[in-house]
Amino acid sequence: MTSNHPSETPHAPVALNECLTLRSEGVQKRTRGRGLNVNPARIREARLEAGLSLAQLAGNEVSRTFIHFIEHGRSRPSRSVLALIARRTGKPISYFLLKAMPEDEDLVAELLSVAGRIGRAASVELNKLDRETLKQIELTTRQSADLIRMMQLRDNRL
């Protein structure tokens, strides 16, 4: 009986990249940040206004592709990348940032108001299933308001 396990065959084929890949145990892979919420059009406008190419704006710090992705809203820059863009274009960081819209603040208040109305509706005489359903909707609506509030705080931080 023969085995196909690589350790048991004298000359098992091994992919070249397996031989050349360095492995490091115990090192955790770093997760990417979410990036800052910026106005992509302003990144491009500032670059063109400063007479810079994608490569000139990127320099050696980031790739031209990453700058292109930021300009087209496909990526969000970190604080350090946005500072680099601001420095090279001569614009303040605040020029590029999108602020939370007043409607977002209104949305939080509206959701909390609706959640309260749902909670009051659940207190009237209902069968158990309807009452539990309304309680779940109330909870979900409150959680939605909390999530929107947290997103606003994250996006307004620098």
C-alpha atoms as a PDB file:
ATOM      1  CA  MET A   1       0.000   0.000   0.000  1.00  0.00           C
ATOM      2  CA  THR A   2       1.486   3.343  -1.036  1.00  0.00           C
ATOM      3  CA  SER A   3       0.790   6.687   0.526  1.00  0.00           C
ATOM      4  CA  ASN A   4       0.566  10.020  -1.247  1.00  0.00           C
ATOM      5  CA  HIS A   5       1.364  12.089   1.837  1.00  0.00           C
ATOM      6  CA  PRO A   6       4.343  14.407   1.021  1.00  0.00           C
ATOM      7  CA  SER A   7       6.259  13.482   4.158  1.00  0.00           C
ATOM      8  CA  GLU A   8       6.131   9.797   3.245  1.00  0.00           C
ATOM      9  CA  THR A   9       7.250  10.055  -0.385  1.00  0.00           C
ATOM     10  CA  PRO A  10      10.933  10.735  -1.041  1.00  0.00           C
ATOM     11  CA  HIS A  11      10.497  13.332  -3.784  1.00  0.00           C
ATOM     12  CA  ALA A  12       7.026  14.777  -3.428  1.00  0.00           C
ATOM     13  CA  PRO A  13       6.519  17.826  -5.669  1.00  0.00           C
ATOM     14  CA  VAL A  14       6.337  21.062  -3.704  1.00  0.00           C
ATOM     15  CA  ALA A  15       5.197  24.344  -5.140  1.00  0.00           C
ATOM     16  CA  LEU A  16       7.990  26.892  -5.435  1.00  0.00           C
ATOM     17  CA  ASN A  17       6.048  29.522  -3.475  1.00  0.00           C
ATOM     18  CA  GLU A  18       5.750  27.027  -0.570  1.00  0.00           C
ATOM     19  CA  CYS A  19       9.548  26.793  -0.451  1.00  0.00           C
ATOM     20  CA  LEU A  20      10.064  30.542  -0.632  1.00  0.00           C
ATOM     21  CA  THR A  21       7.271  31.676   1.690  1.00  0.00           C
ATOM     22  CA  LEU A  22       8.438  32.691   5.135  1.00  0.00           C
ATOM     23  CA  ARG A  23       6.163  31.678   7.949  1.00  0.00           C
ATOM     24  CA  SER A  24       6.007  33.449  11.285  1.00  0.00           C
ATOM     25  CA  GLU A  25       4.013  31.864  14.048  1.00  0.00           C
ATOM     26  CA  GLY A  26       2.512  34.028  16.739  1.00  0.00           C
ATOM     27  CA  VAL A  27       2.359  37.180  14.624  1.00  0.00           C
ATOM     28  CA  GLN A  28      -1.179  38.370  14.208  1.00  0.00           C
ATOM     29  CA  LYS A  29      -2.300  39.778  10.906  1.00  0.00           C
ATOM     30  CA  ARG A  30      -3.050  43.492  11.233  1.00  0.00           C
ATOM     31  CA  THR A  31      -6.563  44.493  10.302  1.00  0.00           C
ATOM     32  CA  ARG A  32      -7.208  47.489   8.141  1.00  0.00           C
ATOM     33  CA  GLY A  33      -8.780  50.566   9.599  1.00  0.00           C
ATOM     34  CA  ARG A  34     -12.011  51.941   8.274  1.00  0.00           C
ATOM     35  CA  GLY A  35     -10.473  55.204   7.117  1.00  0.00           C
ATOM     36  CA  LEU A  36     -11.852  58.714   7.299  1.00  0.00           C
ATOM     37  CA  ASN A  37     -15.021  59.814   5.577  1.00  0.00           C
ATOM     38  CA  VAL A  38     -13.809  62.233   2.891  1.00  0.00           C
ATOM     39  CA  ASN A  39     -15.265  63.975  -0.145  1.00  0.00           C
ATOM     40  CA  PRO A  40     -13.552  62.151  -3.058  1.00  0.00           C
ATOM     41  CA  ALA A  41     -14.152  65.006  -5.512  1.00  0.00           C
ATOM     42  CA  ARG A  42     -12.289  67.421  -3.229  1.00  0.00           C
ATOM     43  CA  ILE A  43      -9.234  65.139  -3.167  1.00  0.00           C
ATOM     44  CA  ARG A  44      -9.080  65.170  -6.969  1.00  0.00           C
ATOM     45  CA  GLU A  45      -9.836  68.901  -7.237  1.00  0.00           C
ATOM     46  CA  ALA A  46      -7.079  69.761  -4.759  1.00  0.00           C
ATOM     47  CA  ARG A  47      -4.567  67.521  -6.569  1.00  0.00           C
ATOM     48  CA  LEU A  48      -5.350  69.057  -9.955  1.00  0.00           C
ATOM     49  CA  GLU A  49      -5.396  72.583  -8.504  1.00  0.00           C
ATOM     50  CA  ALA A  50      -1.913  71.955  -7.059  1.00  0.00           C
ATOM     51  CA  GLY A  51      -0.748  70.657 -10.467  1.00  0.00           C
ATOM     52  CA  LEU A  52       0.130  67.227  -9.103  1.00  0.00           C
ATOM     53  CA  SER A  53      -0.085  63.866 -10.849  1.00  0.00           C
ATOM     54  CA  LEU A  54      -1.324  60.805  -8.987  1.00  0.00           C
ATOM     55  CA  ALA A  55       2.304  59.684  -8.620  1.00  0.00           C
ATOM     56  CA  GLN A  56       3.438  63.061  -7.279  1.00  0.00           C
ATOM     57  CA  LEU A  57       0.654  63.151  -4.705  1.00  0.00           C
ATOM     58  CA  ALA A  58       1.314  59.542  -3.670  1.00  0.00           C
ATOM     59  CA  GLY A  59       5.084  59.967  -3.474  1.00  0.00           C
ATOM     60  CA  ASN A  60       6.826  56.997  -1.906  1.00  0.00           C
ATOM     61  CA  GLU A  61       4.320  56.726   0.936  1.00  0.00           C
ATOM     62  CA  VAL A  62       1.317  55.231  -0.891  1.00  0.00           C
ATOM     63  CA  SER A  63       0.515  53.927  -4.359  1.00  0.00           C
ATOM     64  CA  ARG A  64      -0.958  55.918  -7.230  1.00  0.00           C
ATOM     65  CA  THR A  65      -3.725  53.327  -7.333  1.00  0.00           C
ATOM     66  CA  PHE A  66      -4.661  54.037  -3.724  1.00  0.00           C
ATOM     67  CA  ILE A  67      -4.903  57.785  -4.465  1.00  0.00           C
ATOM     68  CA  HIS A  68      -7.039  56.951  -7.508  1.00  0.00           C
ATOM     69  CA  PHE A  69      -9.321  54.782  -5.340  1.00  0.00           C
ATOM     70  CA  ILE A  70      -9.672  57.595  -2.784  1.00  0.00           C
ATOM     71  CA  GLU A  71     -10.536  60.079  -5.550  1.00  0.00           C
ATOM     72  CA  HIS A  72     -13.251  57.742  -6.825  1.00  0.00           C
ATOM     73  CA  GLY A  73     -14.685  56.876  -3.413  1.00  0.00           C
ATOM     74  CA  ARG A  74     -13.531  53.253  -3.515  1.00  0.00           C
ATOM     75  CA  SER A  75     -11.137  53.641  -0.561  1.00  0.00           C
ATOM     76  CA  ARG A  76     -10.965  55.841   2.511  1.00  0.00           C
ATOM     77  CA  PRO A  77      -7.643  57.325   3.629  1.00  0.00           C
ATOM     78  CA  SER A  78      -6.203  56.929   7.107  1.00  0.00           C
ATOM     79  CA  ARG A  79      -5.480  60.022   9.160  1.00  0.00           C
ATOM     80  CA  SER A  80      -1.804  59.915   8.165  1.00  0.00           C
ATOM     81  CA  VAL A  81      -2.565  59.552   4.433  1.00  0.00           C
ATOM     82  CA  LEU A  82      -5.070  62.413   4.587  1.00  0.00           C
ATOM     83  CA  ALA A  83      -2.450  64.555   6.360  1.00  0.00           C
ATOM     84  CA  LEU A  84      -0.004  63.727   3.539  1.00  0.00           C
ATOM     85  CA  ILE A  85      -2.606  64.714   0.906  1.00  0.00           C
ATOM     86  CA  ALA A  86      -3.375  67.938   2.774  1.00  0.00           C
ATOM     87  CA  ARG A  87       0.315  68.826   3.099  1.00  0.00           C
ATOM     88  CA  ARG A  88       1.087  68.181  -0.572  1.00  0.00           C
ATOM     89  CA  THR A  89      -1.988  70.020  -1.892  1.00  0.00           C
ATOM     90  CA  GLY A  90      -1.712  72.928   0.554  1.00  0.00           C
ATOM     91  CA  LYS A  91      -5.243  72.423   1.879  1.00  0.00           C
ATOM     92  CA  PRO A  92      -6.318  71.921   5.511  1.00  0.00           C
ATOM     93  CA  ILE A  93      -7.465  68.419   6.472  1.00  0.00           C
ATOM     94  CA  SER A  94     -10.928  69.807   7.237  1.00  0.00           C
ATOM     95  CA  TYR A  95     -11.291  70.754   3.546  1.00  0.00           C
ATOM     96  CA  PHE A  96     -11.520  67.057   2.638  1.00  0.00           C
ATOM     97  CA  LEU A  97     -13.672  65.729   5.486  1.00  0.00           C
ATOM     98  CA  LEU A  98     -17.377  65.023   5.178  1.00  0.00           C
ATOM     99  CA  LYS A  99     -19.233  66.186   8.252  1.00  0.00           C
ATOM    100  CA  ALA A 100     -22.274  64.409   9.660  1.00  0.00           C
ATOM    101  CA  MET A 101     -25.303  65.910   8.033  1.00  0.00           C
ATOM    102  CA  PRO A 102     -27.929  67.576  10.243  1.00  0.00           C
ATOM    103  CA  GLU A 103     -30.424  65.065   8.852  1.00  0.00           C
ATOM    104  CA  ASP A 104     -28.366  62.317  10.537  1.00  0.00           C
ATOM    105  CA  GLU A 105     -28.832  63.987  13.919  1.00  0.00           C
ATOM    106  CA  ASP A 106     -32.535  64.320  13.184  1.00  0.00           C
ATOM    107  CA  LEU A 107     -32.628  60.652  12.229  1.00  0.00           C
ATOM    108  CA  VAL A 108     -31.348  59.585  15.665  1.00  0.00           C
ATOM    109  CA  ALA A 109     -34.023  61.682  17.383  1.00  0.00           C
ATOM    110  CA  GLU A 110     -36.713  60.368  15.039  1.00  0.00           C
ATOM    111  CA  LEU A 111     -35.703  56.748  15.608  1.00  0.00           C
ATOM    112  CA  LEU A 112     -35.786  57.203  19.378  1.00  0.00           C
ATOM    113  CA  SER A 113     -39.199  58.846  19.124  1.00  0.00           C
ATOM    114  CA  VAL A 114     -40.521  55.992  16.986  1.00  0.00           C
ATOM    115  CA  ALA A 115     -39.051  53.445  19.406  1.00  0.00           C
ATOM    116  CA  GLY A 116     -40.933  55.127  22.252  1.00  0.00           C
ATOM    117  CA  ARG A 117     -44.188  55.046  20.297  1.00  0.00           C
ATOM    118  CA  ILE A 118     -43.663  51.369  19.479  1.00  0.00           C
ATOM    119  CA  GLY A 119     -42.993  50.659  23.165  1.00  0.00           C
ATOM    120  CA  ARG A 120     -46.227  52.380  24.141  1.00  0.00           C
ATOM    121  CA  ALA A 121     -48.121  50.432  21.469  1.00  0.00           C
ATOM    122  CA  ALA A 122     -46.757  47.200  22.927  1.00  0.00           C
ATOM    123  CA  SER A 123     -48.231  48.066  26.324  1.00  0.00           C
ATOM    124  CA  VAL A 124     -51.847  47.871  25.144  1.00  0.00           C
ATOM    125  CA  GLU A 125     -53.791  44.646  25.240  1.00  0.00           C
ATOM    126  CA  LEU A 126     -52.190  42.368  22.648  1.00  0.00           C
ATOM    127  CA  ASN A 127     -51.607  38.673  22.342  1.00  0.00           C
ATOM    128  CA  LYS A 128     -48.196  37.458  23.514  1.00  0.00           C
ATOM    129  CA  LEU A 129     -46.742  37.044  20.012  1.00  0.00           C
ATOM    130  CA  ASP A 130     -47.724  40.571  18.892  1.00  0.00           C
ATOM    131  CA  ARG A 131     -46.413  42.105  22.129  1.00  0.00           C
ATOM    132  CA  GLU A 132     -43.050  40.280  21.793  1.00  0.00           C
ATOM    133  CA  THR A 133     -42.819  41.282  18.128  1.00  0.00           C
ATOM    134  CA  LEU A 134     -43.350  44.962  18.979  1.00  0.00           C
ATOM    135  CA  LYS A 135     -40.774  44.743  21.801  1.00  0.00           C
ATOM    136  CA  GLN A 136     -38.225  43.334  19.333  1.00  0.00           C
ATOM    137  CA  ILE A 137     -38.987  46.106  16.832  1.00  0.00           C
ATOM    138  CA  GLU A 138     -38.595  48.704  19.598  1.00  0.00           C
ATOM    139  CA  LEU A 139     -35.228  47.211  20.622  1.00  0.00           C
ATOM    140  CA  THR A 140     -33.997  47.083  17.020  1.00  0.00           C
ATOM    141  CA  THR A 141     -35.060  50.692  16.434  1.00  0.00           C
ATOM    142  CA  ARG A 142     -33.174  51.858  19.563  1.00  0.00           C
ATOM    143  CA  GLN A 143     -30.107  49.883  18.477  1.00  0.00           C
ATOM    144  CA  SER A 144     -30.302  51.520  15.042  1.00  0.00           C
ATOM    145  CA  ALA A 145     -30.292  54.969  16.676  1.00  0.00           C
ATOM    146  CA  ASP A 146     -27.261  53.965  18.793  1.00  0.00           C
ATOM    147  CA  LEU A 147     -25.418  52.672  15.730  1.00  0.00           C
ATOM    148  CA  ILE A 148     -26.031  55.883  13.773  1.00  0.00           C
ATOM    149  CA  ARG A 149     -24.861  57.943  16.767  1.00  0.00           C
ATOM    150  CA  MET A 150     -21.644  55.867  17.012  1.00  0.00           C
ATOM    151  CA  MET A 151     -21.006  56.275  13.281  1.00  0.00           C
ATOM    152  CA  GLN A 152     -21.402  60.046  13.642  1.00  0.00           C
ATOM    153  CA  LEU A 153     -18.909  60.134  16.501  1.00  0.00           C
ATOM    154  CA  ARG A 154     -16.419  58.025  14.540  1.00  0.00           C
ATOM    155  CA  ASP A 155     -16.727  60.152  11.384  1.00  0.00           C
ATOM    156  CA  ASN A 156     -16.384  63.455  13.291  1.00  0.00           C
ATOM    157  CA  ARG A 157     -13.236  62.391  15.146  1.00  0.00           C
ATOM    158  CA  LEU A 158      -9.831  63.434  13.876  1.00  0.00           C
END
